[in-house]
mmCIF file of all heavy atoms, coordinates in Angstrom:
data_MODEL
# 
_entry.id   MODEL 
# 
loop_
_atom_site.group_PDB 
_atom_site.id 
_atom_site.type_symbol 
_atom_site.label_atom_id 
_atom_site.label_alt_id 
_atom_site.label_comp_id 
_atom_site.label_asym_id 
_atom_site.label_entity_id 
_atom_site.label_seq_id 
_atom_site.pdbx_PDB_ins_code 
_atom_site.Cartn_x 
_atom_site.Cartn_y 
_atom_site.Cartn_z 
_atom_site.occupancy 
_atom_site.B_iso_or_equiv 
_atom_site.pdbx_formal_charge 
_atom_site.auth_seq_id 
_atom_site.auth_comp_id 
_atom_site.auth_asym_id 
_atom_site.auth_atom_id 
_atom_site.pdbx_PDB_model_num 
ATOM 1   N N   . ALA A 1 1  ? 71.540 -16.728 -84.911 1.00 0.00 ? 1  ALA A N   1 
ATOM 2   C CA  . ALA A 1 1  ? 70.211 -16.061 -85.026 1.00 0.00 ? 1  ALA A CA  1 
ATOM 3   C C   . ALA A 1 1  ? 69.568 -15.871 -83.667 1.00 0.00 ? 1  ALA A C   1 
ATOM 4   O O   . ALA A 1 1  ? 68.991 -14.834 -83.346 1.00 0.00 ? 1  ALA A O   1 
ATOM 5   C CB  . ALA A 1 1  ? 69.278 -16.815 -85.985 1.00 0.00 ? 1  ALA A CB  1 
ATOM 6   N N   . SER A 1 2  ? 69.651 -16.959 -82.859 1.00 0.00 ? 2  SER A N   1 
ATOM 7   C CA  . SER A 1 2  ? 69.065 -16.910 -81.533 1.00 0.00 ? 2  SER A CA  1 
ATOM 8   C C   . SER A 1 2  ? 69.781 -15.892 -80.642 1.00 0.00 ? 2  SER A C   1 
ATOM 9   O O   . SER A 1 2  ? 69.184 -15.137 -79.906 1.00 0.00 ? 2  SER A O   1 
ATOM 10  C CB  . SER A 1 2  ? 69.132 -18.249 -80.877 1.00 0.00 ? 2  SER A CB  1 
ATOM 11  O OG  . SER A 1 2  ? 68.712 -18.214 -79.526 1.00 0.00 ? 2  SER A OG  1 
ATOM 12  N N   . GLU A 1 3  ? 71.113 -15.803 -80.734 1.00 0.00 ? 3  GLU A N   1 
ATOM 13  C CA  . GLU A 1 3  ? 71.902 -14.906 -79.937 1.00 0.00 ? 3  GLU A CA  1 
ATOM 14  C C   . GLU A 1 3  ? 71.642 -13.480 -80.368 1.00 0.00 ? 3  GLU A C   1 
ATOM 15  O O   . GLU A 1 3  ? 71.523 -12.547 -79.513 1.00 0.00 ? 3  GLU A O   1 
ATOM 16  C CB  . GLU A 1 3  ? 73.393 -15.206 -80.027 1.00 0.00 ? 3  GLU A CB  1 
ATOM 17  C CG  . GLU A 1 3  ? 74.251 -14.282 -79.157 1.00 0.00 ? 3  GLU A CG  1 
ATOM 18  C CD  . GLU A 1 3  ? 73.839 -14.294 -77.683 1.00 0.00 ? 3  GLU A CD  1 
ATOM 19  O OE1 . GLU A 1 3  ? 73.410 -15.347 -77.163 1.00 0.00 ? 3  GLU A OE1 1 
ATOM 20  O OE2 . GLU A 1 3  ? 74.033 -13.208 -77.041 1.00 0.00 ? 3  GLU A OE2 1 
ATOM 21  N N   . LEU A 1 4  ? 71.477 -13.231 -81.640 1.00 0.00 ? 4  LEU A N   1 
ATOM 22  C CA  . LEU A 1 4  ? 71.226 -11.891 -82.129 1.00 0.00 ? 4  LEU A CA  1 
ATOM 23  C C   . LEU A 1 4  ? 69.787 -11.407 -81.835 1.00 0.00 ? 4  LEU A C   1 
ATOM 24  O O   . LEU A 1 4  ? 69.574 -10.305 -81.374 1.00 0.00 ? 4  LEU A O   1 
ATOM 25  C CB  . LEU A 1 4  ? 71.503 -11.791 -83.627 1.00 0.00 ? 4  LEU A CB  1 
ATOM 26  C CG  . LEU A 1 4  ? 72.953 -11.893 -84.076 1.00 0.00 ? 4  LEU A CG  1 
ATOM 27  C CD1 . LEU A 1 4  ? 73.033 -11.880 -85.607 1.00 0.00 ? 4  LEU A CD1 1 
ATOM 28  C CD2 . LEU A 1 4  ? 73.808 -10.773 -83.514 1.00 0.00 ? 4  LEU A CD2 1 
ATOM 29  N N   . PHE A 1 5  ? 68.828 -12.283 -82.190 1.00 0.00 ? 5  PHE A N   1 
ATOM 30  C CA  . PHE A 1 5  ? 67.436 -11.833 -82.170 1.00 0.00 ? 5  PHE A CA  1 
ATOM 31  C C   . PHE A 1 5  ? 66.571 -12.497 -81.133 1.00 0.00 ? 5  PHE A C   1 
ATOM 32  O O   . PHE A 1 5  ? 65.417 -12.102 -80.970 1.00 0.00 ? 5  PHE A O   1 
ATOM 33  C CB  . PHE A 1 5  ? 66.788 -12.090 -83.562 1.00 0.00 ? 5  PHE A CB  1 
ATOM 34  C CG  . PHE A 1 5  ? 67.656 -11.600 -84.700 1.00 0.00 ? 5  PHE A CG  1 
ATOM 35  C CD1 . PHE A 1 5  ? 68.045 -12.482 -85.730 1.00 0.00 ? 5  PHE A CD1 1 
ATOM 36  C CD2 . PHE A 1 5  ? 68.101 -10.292 -84.750 1.00 0.00 ? 5  PHE A CD2 1 
ATOM 37  C CE1 . PHE A 1 5  ? 68.876 -12.056 -86.760 1.00 0.00 ? 5  PHE A CE1 1 
ATOM 38  C CE2 . PHE A 1 5  ? 68.899 -9.843  -85.805 1.00 0.00 ? 5  PHE A CE2 1 
ATOM 39  C CZ  . PHE A 1 5  ? 69.269 -10.715 -86.788 1.00 0.00 ? 5  PHE A CZ  1 
ATOM 40  N N   . GLY A 1 6  ? 67.125 -13.466 -80.392 1.00 0.00 ? 6  GLY A N   1 
ATOM 41  C CA  . GLY A 1 6  ? 66.351 -14.128 -79.393 1.00 0.00 ? 6  GLY A CA  1 
ATOM 42  C C   . GLY A 1 6  ? 65.508 -15.290 -79.959 1.00 0.00 ? 6  GLY A C   1 
ATOM 43  O O   . GLY A 1 6  ? 65.435 -15.491 -81.159 1.00 0.00 ? 6  GLY A O   1 
ATOM 44  N N   . HIS A 1 7  ? 64.898 -16.057 -79.074 1.00 0.00 ? 7  HIS A N   1 
ATOM 45  C CA  . HIS A 1 7  ? 63.988 -17.121 -79.561 1.00 0.00 ? 7  HIS A CA  1 
ATOM 46  C C   . HIS A 1 7  ? 62.822 -17.337 -78.555 1.00 0.00 ? 7  HIS A C   1 
ATOM 47  O O   . HIS A 1 7  ? 62.986 -16.981 -77.377 1.00 0.00 ? 7  HIS A O   1 
ATOM 48  C CB  . HIS A 1 7  ? 64.733 -18.448 -79.788 1.00 0.00 ? 7  HIS A CB  1 
ATOM 49  C CG  . HIS A 1 7  ? 65.355 -19.066 -78.517 1.00 0.00 ? 7  HIS A CG  1 
ATOM 50  N ND1 . HIS A 1 7  ? 66.678 -19.053 -78.277 1.00 0.00 ? 7  HIS A ND1 1 
ATOM 51  C CD2 . HIS A 1 7  ? 64.742 -19.689 -77.452 1.00 0.00 ? 7  HIS A CD2 1 
ATOM 52  C CE1 . HIS A 1 7  ? 66.885 -19.668 -77.106 1.00 0.00 ? 7  HIS A CE1 1 
ATOM 53  N NE2 . HIS A 1 7  ? 65.754 -20.038 -76.589 1.00 0.00 ? 7  HIS A NE2 1 
ATOM 54  N N   . GLU A 1 8  ? 61.797 -17.914 -79.042 1.00 0.00 ? 8  GLU A N   1 
ATOM 55  C CA  . GLU A 1 8  ? 60.635 -18.229 -78.195 1.00 0.00 ? 8  GLU A CA  1 
ATOM 56  C C   . GLU A 1 8  ? 60.765 -19.651 -77.657 1.00 0.00 ? 8  GLU A C   1 
ATOM 57  O O   . GLU A 1 8  ? 61.462 -20.526 -78.236 1.00 0.00 ? 8  GLU A O   1 
ATOM 58  C CB  . GLU A 1 8  ? 59.323 -18.137 -79.003 1.00 0.00 ? 8  GLU A CB  1 
ATOM 59  C CG  . GLU A 1 8  ? 59.047 -16.732 -79.534 1.00 0.00 ? 8  GLU A CG  1 
ATOM 60  C CD  . GLU A 1 8  ? 58.652 -15.723 -78.421 1.00 0.00 ? 8  GLU A CD  1 
ATOM 61  O OE1 . GLU A 1 8  ? 58.513 -16.203 -77.254 1.00 0.00 ? 8  GLU A OE1 1 
ATOM 62  O OE2 . GLU A 1 8  ? 58.530 -14.520 -78.701 1.00 0.00 ? 8  GLU A OE2 1 
ATOM 63  N N   . LYS A 1 9  ? 60.164 -19.913 -76.546 1.00 0.00 ? 9  LYS A N   1 
ATOM 64  C CA  . LYS A 1 9  ? 60.180 -21.247 -75.996 1.00 0.00 ? 9  LYS A CA  1 
ATOM 65  C C   . LYS A 1 9  ? 59.604 -22.297 -76.944 1.00 0.00 ? 9  LYS A C   1 
ATOM 66  O O   . LYS A 1 9  ? 58.541 -22.052 -77.571 1.00 0.00 ? 9  LYS A O   1 
ATOM 67  C CB  . LYS A 1 9  ? 59.335 -21.255 -74.678 1.00 0.00 ? 9  LYS A CB  1 
ATOM 68  C CG  . LYS A 1 9  ? 59.293 -22.610 -73.946 1.00 0.00 ? 9  LYS A CG  1 
ATOM 69  C CD  . LYS A 1 9  ? 58.468 -22.515 -72.721 1.00 0.00 ? 9  LYS A CD  1 
ATOM 70  C CE  . LYS A 1 9  ? 58.393 -23.876 -72.017 1.00 0.00 ? 9  LYS A CE  1 
ATOM 71  N NZ  . LYS A 1 9  ? 57.584 -23.809 -70.765 1.00 0.00 ? 9  LYS A NZ  1 
ATOM 72  N N   . GLY A 1 10 ? 60.333 -23.372 -77.104 1.00 0.00 ? 10 GLY A N   1 
ATOM 73  C CA  . GLY A 1 10 ? 59.866 -24.403 -77.972 1.00 0.00 ? 10 GLY A CA  1 
ATOM 74  C C   . GLY A 1 10 ? 60.121 -24.221 -79.452 1.00 0.00 ? 10 GLY A C   1 
ATOM 75  O O   . GLY A 1 10 ? 59.676 -24.999 -80.284 1.00 0.00 ? 10 GLY A O   1 
ATOM 76  N N   . SER A 1 11 ? 60.871 -23.177 -79.798 1.00 0.00 ? 11 SER A N   1 
ATOM 77  C CA  . SER A 1 11 ? 61.099 -22.855 -81.235 1.00 0.00 ? 11 SER A CA  1 
ATOM 78  C C   . SER A 1 11 ? 62.093 -23.840 -81.891 1.00 0.00 ? 11 SER A C   1 
ATOM 79  O O   . SER A 1 11 ? 62.095 -23.954 -83.113 1.00 0.00 ? 11 SER A O   1 
ATOM 80  C CB  . SER A 1 11 ? 61.616 -21.410 -81.382 1.00 0.00 ? 11 SER A CB  1 
ATOM 81  O OG  . SER A 1 11 ? 62.811 -21.208 -80.630 1.00 0.00 ? 11 SER A OG  1 
ATOM 82  N N   . PHE A 1 12 ? 62.891 -24.546 -81.085 1.00 0.00 ? 12 PHE A N   1 
ATOM 83  C CA  . PHE A 1 12 ? 63.770 -25.564 -81.581 1.00 0.00 ? 12 PHE A CA  1 
ATOM 84  C C   . PHE A 1 12 ? 64.171 -26.470 -80.439 1.00 0.00 ? 12 PHE A C   1 
ATOM 85  O O   . PHE A 1 12 ? 63.891 -26.144 -79.282 1.00 0.00 ? 12 PHE A O   1 
ATOM 86  C CB  . PHE A 1 12 ? 65.016 -24.952 -82.299 1.00 0.00 ? 12 PHE A CB  1 
ATOM 87  C CG  . PHE A 1 12 ? 65.798 -24.008 -81.404 1.00 0.00 ? 12 PHE A CG  1 
ATOM 88  C CD1 . PHE A 1 12 ? 66.763 -24.461 -80.506 1.00 0.00 ? 12 PHE A CD1 1 
ATOM 89  C CD2 . PHE A 1 12 ? 65.585 -22.623 -81.489 1.00 0.00 ? 12 PHE A CD2 1 
ATOM 90  C CE1 . PHE A 1 12 ? 67.476 -23.578 -79.685 1.00 0.00 ? 12 PHE A CE1 1 
ATOM 91  C CE2 . PHE A 1 12 ? 66.303 -21.733 -80.718 1.00 0.00 ? 12 PHE A CE2 1 
ATOM 92  C CZ  . PHE A 1 12 ? 67.253 -22.231 -79.823 1.00 0.00 ? 12 PHE A CZ  1 
ATOM 93  N N   . THR A 1 13 ? 64.807 -27.574 -80.745 1.00 0.00 ? 13 THR A N   1 
ATOM 94  C CA  . THR A 1 13 ? 65.153 -28.530 -79.699 1.00 0.00 ? 13 THR A CA  1 
ATOM 95  C C   . THR A 1 13 ? 66.085 -27.877 -78.712 1.00 0.00 ? 13 THR A C   1 
ATOM 96  O O   . THR A 1 13 ? 67.118 -27.300 -79.046 1.00 0.00 ? 13 THR A O   1 
ATOM 97  C CB  . THR A 1 13 ? 65.889 -29.708 -80.366 1.00 0.00 ? 13 THR A CB  1 
ATOM 98  O OG1 . THR A 1 13 ? 64.983 -30.350 -81.303 1.00 0.00 ? 13 THR A OG1 1 
ATOM 99  C CG2 . THR A 1 13 ? 66.248 -30.760 -79.300 1.00 0.00 ? 13 THR A CG2 1 
ATOM 100 N N   . GLY A 1 14 ? 65.736 -27.933 -77.430 1.00 0.00 ? 14 GLY A N   1 
ATOM 101 C CA  . GLY A 1 14 ? 66.571 -27.334 -76.375 1.00 0.00 ? 14 GLY A CA  1 
ATOM 102 C C   . GLY A 1 14 ? 66.103 -25.953 -75.992 1.00 0.00 ? 14 GLY A C   1 
ATOM 103 O O   . GLY A 1 14 ? 66.612 -25.424 -74.986 1.00 0.00 ? 14 GLY A O   1 
ATOM 104 N N   . ALA A 1 15 ? 65.194 -25.393 -76.737 1.00 0.00 ? 15 ALA A N   1 
ATOM 105 C CA  . ALA A 1 15 ? 64.678 -24.058 -76.370 1.00 0.00 ? 15 ALA A CA  1 
ATOM 106 C C   . ALA A 1 15 ? 63.575 -24.221 -75.330 1.00 0.00 ? 15 ALA A C   1 
ATOM 107 O O   . ALA A 1 15 ? 62.364 -24.149 -75.606 1.00 0.00 ? 15 ALA A O   1 
ATOM 108 C CB  . ALA A 1 15 ? 64.133 -23.369 -77.632 1.00 0.00 ? 15 ALA A CB  1 
ATOM 109 N N   . ASP A 1 16 ? 64.034 -24.397 -74.039 1.00 0.00 ? 16 ASP A N   1 
ATOM 110 C CA  . ASP A 1 16 ? 63.045 -24.690 -73.001 1.00 0.00 ? 16 ASP A CA  1 
ATOM 111 C C   . ASP A 1 16 ? 62.500 -23.403 -72.365 1.00 0.00 ? 16 ASP A C   1 
ATOM 112 O O   . ASP A 1 16 ? 61.642 -23.506 -71.490 1.00 0.00 ? 16 ASP A O   1 
ATOM 113 C CB  . ASP A 1 16 ? 63.723 -25.610 -71.900 1.00 0.00 ? 16 ASP A CB  1 
ATOM 114 C CG  . ASP A 1 16 ? 64.979 -25.011 -71.383 1.00 0.00 ? 16 ASP A CG  1 
ATOM 115 O OD1 . ASP A 1 16 ? 65.405 -23.924 -71.877 1.00 0.00 ? 16 ASP A OD1 1 
ATOM 116 O OD2 . ASP A 1 16 ? 65.588 -25.573 -70.478 1.00 0.00 ? 16 ASP A OD2 1 
ATOM 117 N N   . ARG A 1 17 ? 62.999 -22.249 -72.773 1.00 0.00 ? 17 ARG A N   1 
ATOM 118 C CA  . ARG A 1 17 ? 62.434 -21.025 -72.304 1.00 0.00 ? 17 ARG A CA  1 
ATOM 119 C C   . ARG A 1 17 ? 62.733 -19.916 -73.300 1.00 0.00 ? 17 ARG A C   1 
ATOM 120 O O   . ARG A 1 17 ? 63.586 -20.030 -74.168 1.00 0.00 ? 17 ARG A O   1 
ATOM 121 C CB  . ARG A 1 17 ? 63.018 -20.684 -70.927 1.00 0.00 ? 17 ARG A CB  1 
ATOM 122 C CG  . ARG A 1 17 ? 64.493 -20.471 -70.883 1.00 0.00 ? 17 ARG A CG  1 
ATOM 123 C CD  . ARG A 1 17 ? 64.958 -19.932 -69.515 1.00 0.00 ? 17 ARG A CD  1 
ATOM 124 N NE  . ARG A 1 17 ? 66.380 -19.709 -69.539 1.00 0.00 ? 17 ARG A NE  1 
ATOM 125 C CZ  . ARG A 1 17 ? 67.239 -20.520 -68.881 1.00 0.00 ? 17 ARG A CZ  1 
ATOM 126 N NH1 . ARG A 1 17 ? 66.813 -21.561 -68.206 1.00 0.00 ? 17 ARG A NH1 1 
ATOM 127 N NH2 . ARG A 1 17 ? 68.555 -20.235 -68.888 1.00 0.00 ? 17 ARG A NH2 1 
ATOM 128 N N   . ARG A 1 18 ? 62.040 -18.779 -73.170 1.00 0.00 ? 18 ARG A N   1 
ATOM 129 C CA  . ARG A 1 18 ? 62.226 -17.656 -74.009 1.00 0.00 ? 18 ARG A CA  1 
ATOM 130 C C   . ARG A 1 18 ? 63.654 -17.055 -73.782 1.00 0.00 ? 18 ARG A C   1 
ATOM 131 O O   . ARG A 1 18 ? 64.090 -16.974 -72.640 1.00 0.00 ? 18 ARG A O   1 
ATOM 132 C CB  . ARG A 1 18 ? 61.185 -16.607 -73.805 1.00 0.00 ? 18 ARG A CB  1 
ATOM 133 C CG  . ARG A 1 18 ? 61.464 -15.267 -74.507 1.00 0.00 ? 18 ARG A CG  1 
ATOM 134 C CD  . ARG A 1 18 ? 60.420 -14.236 -74.206 1.00 0.00 ? 18 ARG A CD  1 
ATOM 135 N NE  . ARG A 1 18 ? 59.171 -14.489 -74.881 1.00 0.00 ? 18 ARG A NE  1 
ATOM 136 C CZ  . ARG A 1 18 ? 58.078 -13.732 -74.769 1.00 0.00 ? 18 ARG A CZ  1 
ATOM 137 N NH1 . ARG A 1 18 ? 58.101 -12.675 -73.937 1.00 0.00 ? 18 ARG A NH1 1 
ATOM 138 N NH2 . ARG A 1 18 ? 57.024 -14.011 -75.457 1.00 0.00 ? 18 ARG A NH2 1 
ATOM 139 N N   . HIS A 1 19 ? 64.292 -16.663 -74.857 1.00 0.00 ? 19 HIS A N   1 
ATOM 140 C CA  . HIS A 1 19 ? 65.623 -16.038 -74.762 1.00 0.00 ? 19 HIS A CA  1 
ATOM 141 C C   . HIS A 1 19 ? 65.580 -14.655 -75.433 1.00 0.00 ? 19 HIS A C   1 
ATOM 142 O O   . HIS A 1 19 ? 65.122 -14.533 -76.566 1.00 0.00 ? 19 HIS A O   1 
ATOM 143 C CB  . HIS A 1 19 ? 66.671 -16.896 -75.443 1.00 0.00 ? 19 HIS A CB  1 
ATOM 144 C CG  . HIS A 1 19 ? 68.011 -16.181 -75.571 1.00 0.00 ? 19 HIS A CG  1 
ATOM 145 N ND1 . HIS A 1 19 ? 68.784 -15.909 -74.449 1.00 0.00 ? 19 HIS A ND1 1 
ATOM 146 C CD2 . HIS A 1 19 ? 68.748 -15.791 -76.668 1.00 0.00 ? 19 HIS A CD2 1 
ATOM 147 C CE1 . HIS A 1 19 ? 69.936 -15.336 -74.867 1.00 0.00 ? 19 HIS A CE1 1 
ATOM 148 N NE2 . HIS A 1 19 ? 69.898 -15.243 -76.170 1.00 0.00 ? 19 HIS A NE2 1 
ATOM 149 N N   . VAL A 1 20 ? 65.995 -13.613 -74.714 1.00 0.00 ? 20 VAL A N   1 
ATOM 150 C CA  . VAL A 1 20 ? 66.044 -12.265 -75.256 1.00 0.00 ? 20 VAL A CA  1 
ATOM 151 C C   . VAL A 1 20 ? 67.417 -12.092 -75.924 1.00 0.00 ? 20 VAL A C   1 
ATOM 152 O O   . VAL A 1 20 ? 68.459 -12.258 -75.310 1.00 0.00 ? 20 VAL A O   1 
ATOM 153 C CB  . VAL A 1 20 ? 65.839 -11.213 -74.152 1.00 0.00 ? 20 VAL A CB  1 
ATOM 154 C CG1 . VAL A 1 20 ? 66.007 -9.817  -74.733 1.00 0.00 ? 20 VAL A CG1 1 
ATOM 155 C CG2 . VAL A 1 20 ? 64.460 -11.402 -73.542 1.00 0.00 ? 20 VAL A CG2 1 
ATOM 156 N N   . GLY A 1 21 ? 67.417 -11.731 -77.201 1.00 0.00 ? 21 GLY A N   1 
ATOM 157 C CA  . GLY A 1 21 ? 68.630 -11.591 -77.999 1.00 0.00 ? 21 GLY A CA  1 
ATOM 158 C C   . GLY A 1 21 ? 69.364 -10.305 -77.744 1.00 0.00 ? 21 GLY A C   1 
ATOM 159 O O   . GLY A 1 21 ? 68.904 -9.378  -77.071 1.00 0.00 ? 21 GLY A O   1 
ATOM 160 N N   . ALA A 1 22 ? 70.529 -10.214 -78.392 1.00 0.00 ? 22 ALA A N   1 
ATOM 161 C CA  . ALA A 1 22 ? 71.420 -9.060  -78.199 1.00 0.00 ? 22 ALA A CA  1 
ATOM 162 C C   . ALA A 1 22 ? 70.758 -7.724  -78.646 1.00 0.00 ? 22 ALA A C   1 
ATOM 163 O O   . ALA A 1 22 ? 70.936 -6.703  -78.004 1.00 0.00 ? 22 ALA A O   1 
ATOM 164 C CB  . ALA A 1 22 ? 72.699 -9.251  -78.979 1.00 0.00 ? 22 ALA A CB  1 
ATOM 165 N N   . PHE A 1 23 ? 69.975 -7.790  -79.788 1.00 0.00 ? 23 PHE A N   1 
ATOM 166 C CA  . PHE A 1 23 ? 69.345 -6.544  -80.233 1.00 0.00 ? 23 PHE A CA  1 
ATOM 167 C C   . PHE A 1 23 ? 68.325 -5.994  -79.248 1.00 0.00 ? 23 PHE A C   1 
ATOM 168 O O   . PHE A 1 23 ? 68.188 -4.764  -79.108 1.00 0.00 ? 23 PHE A O   1 
ATOM 169 C CB  . PHE A 1 23 ? 68.718 -6.752  -81.582 1.00 0.00 ? 23 PHE A CB  1 
ATOM 170 C CG  . PHE A 1 23 ? 69.710 -6.630  -82.746 1.00 0.00 ? 23 PHE A CG  1 
ATOM 171 C CD1 . PHE A 1 23 ? 70.569 -7.645  -83.089 1.00 0.00 ? 23 PHE A CD1 1 
ATOM 172 C CD2 . PHE A 1 23 ? 69.783 -5.447  -83.453 1.00 0.00 ? 23 PHE A CD2 1 
ATOM 173 C CE1 . PHE A 1 23 ? 71.468 -7.514  -84.115 1.00 0.00 ? 23 PHE A CE1 1 
ATOM 174 C CE2 . PHE A 1 23 ? 70.667 -5.280  -84.486 1.00 0.00 ? 23 PHE A CE2 1 
ATOM 175 C CZ  . PHE A 1 23 ? 71.523 -6.339  -84.807 1.00 0.00 ? 23 PHE A CZ  1 
ATOM 176 N N   . GLU A 1 24 ? 67.630 -6.851  -78.535 1.00 0.00 ? 24 GLU A N   1 
ATOM 177 C CA  . GLU A 1 24 ? 66.706 -6.378  -77.522 1.00 0.00 ? 24 GLU A CA  1 
ATOM 178 C C   . GLU A 1 24 ? 67.449 -5.911  -76.272 1.00 0.00 ? 24 GLU A C   1 
ATOM 179 O O   . GLU A 1 24 ? 67.135 -4.890  -75.683 1.00 0.00 ? 24 GLU A O   1 
ATOM 180 C CB  . GLU A 1 24 ? 65.721 -7.515  -77.162 1.00 0.00 ? 24 GLU A CB  1 
ATOM 181 C CG  . GLU A 1 24 ? 64.634 -7.743  -78.164 1.00 0.00 ? 24 GLU A CG  1 
ATOM 182 C CD  . GLU A 1 24 ? 63.608 -8.737  -77.660 1.00 0.00 ? 24 GLU A CD  1 
ATOM 183 O OE1 . GLU A 1 24 ? 62.740 -8.347  -76.828 1.00 0.00 ? 24 GLU A OE1 1 
ATOM 184 O OE2 . GLU A 1 24 ? 63.688 -9.954  -78.030 1.00 0.00 ? 24 GLU A OE2 1 
ATOM 185 N N   . ARG A 1 25 ? 68.500 -6.700  -75.901 1.00 0.00 ? 25 ARG A N   1 
ATOM 186 C CA  . ARG A 1 25 ? 69.258 -6.313  -74.713 1.00 0.00 ? 25 ARG A CA  1 
ATOM 187 C C   . ARG A 1 25 ? 70.018 -5.023  -74.926 1.00 0.00 ? 25 ARG A C   1 
ATOM 188 O O   . ARG A 1 25 ? 70.291 -4.268  -73.965 1.00 0.00 ? 25 ARG A O   1 
ATOM 189 C CB  . ARG A 1 25 ? 70.294 -7.405  -74.338 1.00 0.00 ? 25 ARG A CB  1 
ATOM 190 C CG  . ARG A 1 25 ? 69.662 -8.768  -74.031 1.00 0.00 ? 25 ARG A CG  1 
ATOM 191 C CD  . ARG A 1 25 ? 70.625 -9.681  -73.311 1.00 0.00 ? 25 ARG A CD  1 
ATOM 192 N NE  . ARG A 1 25 ? 71.911 -9.828  -73.982 1.00 0.00 ? 25 ARG A NE  1 
ATOM 193 C CZ  . ARG A 1 25 ? 72.143 -10.733 -74.901 1.00 0.00 ? 25 ARG A CZ  1 
ATOM 194 N NH1 . ARG A 1 25 ? 71.183 -11.588 -75.302 1.00 0.00 ? 25 ARG A NH1 1 
ATOM 195 N NH2 . ARG A 1 25 ? 73.363 -10.837 -75.466 1.00 0.00 ? 25 ARG A NH2 1 
ATOM 196 N N   . GLY A 1 26 ? 70.350 -4.685  -76.178 1.00 0.00 ? 26 GLY A N   1 
ATOM 197 C CA  . GLY A 1 26 ? 71.115 -3.493  -76.453 1.00 0.00 ? 26 GLY A CA  1 
ATOM 198 C C   . GLY A 1 26 ? 70.251 -2.294  -76.705 1.00 0.00 ? 26 GLY A C   1 
ATOM 199 O O   . GLY A 1 26 ? 70.770 -1.201  -77.080 1.00 0.00 ? 26 GLY A O   1 
ATOM 200 N N   . HIS A 1 27 ? 68.932 -2.407  -76.549 1.00 0.00 ? 27 HIS A N   1 
ATOM 201 C CA  . HIS A 1 27 ? 68.022 -1.262  -76.750 1.00 0.00 ? 27 HIS A CA  1 
ATOM 202 C C   . HIS A 1 27 ? 68.457 -0.053  -75.952 1.00 0.00 ? 27 HIS A C   1 
ATOM 203 O O   . HIS A 1 27 ? 68.669 -0.093  -74.753 1.00 0.00 ? 27 HIS A O   1 
ATOM 204 C CB  . HIS A 1 27 ? 66.633 -1.643  -76.381 1.00 0.00 ? 27 HIS A CB  1 
ATOM 205 C CG  . HIS A 1 27 ? 65.601 -0.616  -76.698 1.00 0.00 ? 27 HIS A CG  1 
ATOM 206 N ND1 . HIS A 1 27 ? 65.102 -0.420  -77.972 1.00 0.00 ? 27 HIS A ND1 1 
ATOM 207 C CD2 . HIS A 1 27 ? 64.979 0.299   -75.898 1.00 0.00 ? 27 HIS A CD2 1 
ATOM 208 C CE1 . HIS A 1 27 ? 64.202 0.572   -77.918 1.00 0.00 ? 27 HIS A CE1 1 
ATOM 209 N NE2 . HIS A 1 27 ? 64.141 1.039   -76.714 1.00 0.00 ? 27 HIS A NE2 1 
# 
């Protein structure tokens, strides 16, 4: 889910920064 859609900082253990997922990168 994180790889596809990205995640916000602090959304789960180890999420120390925002991550932009494949759907955003593929825009």
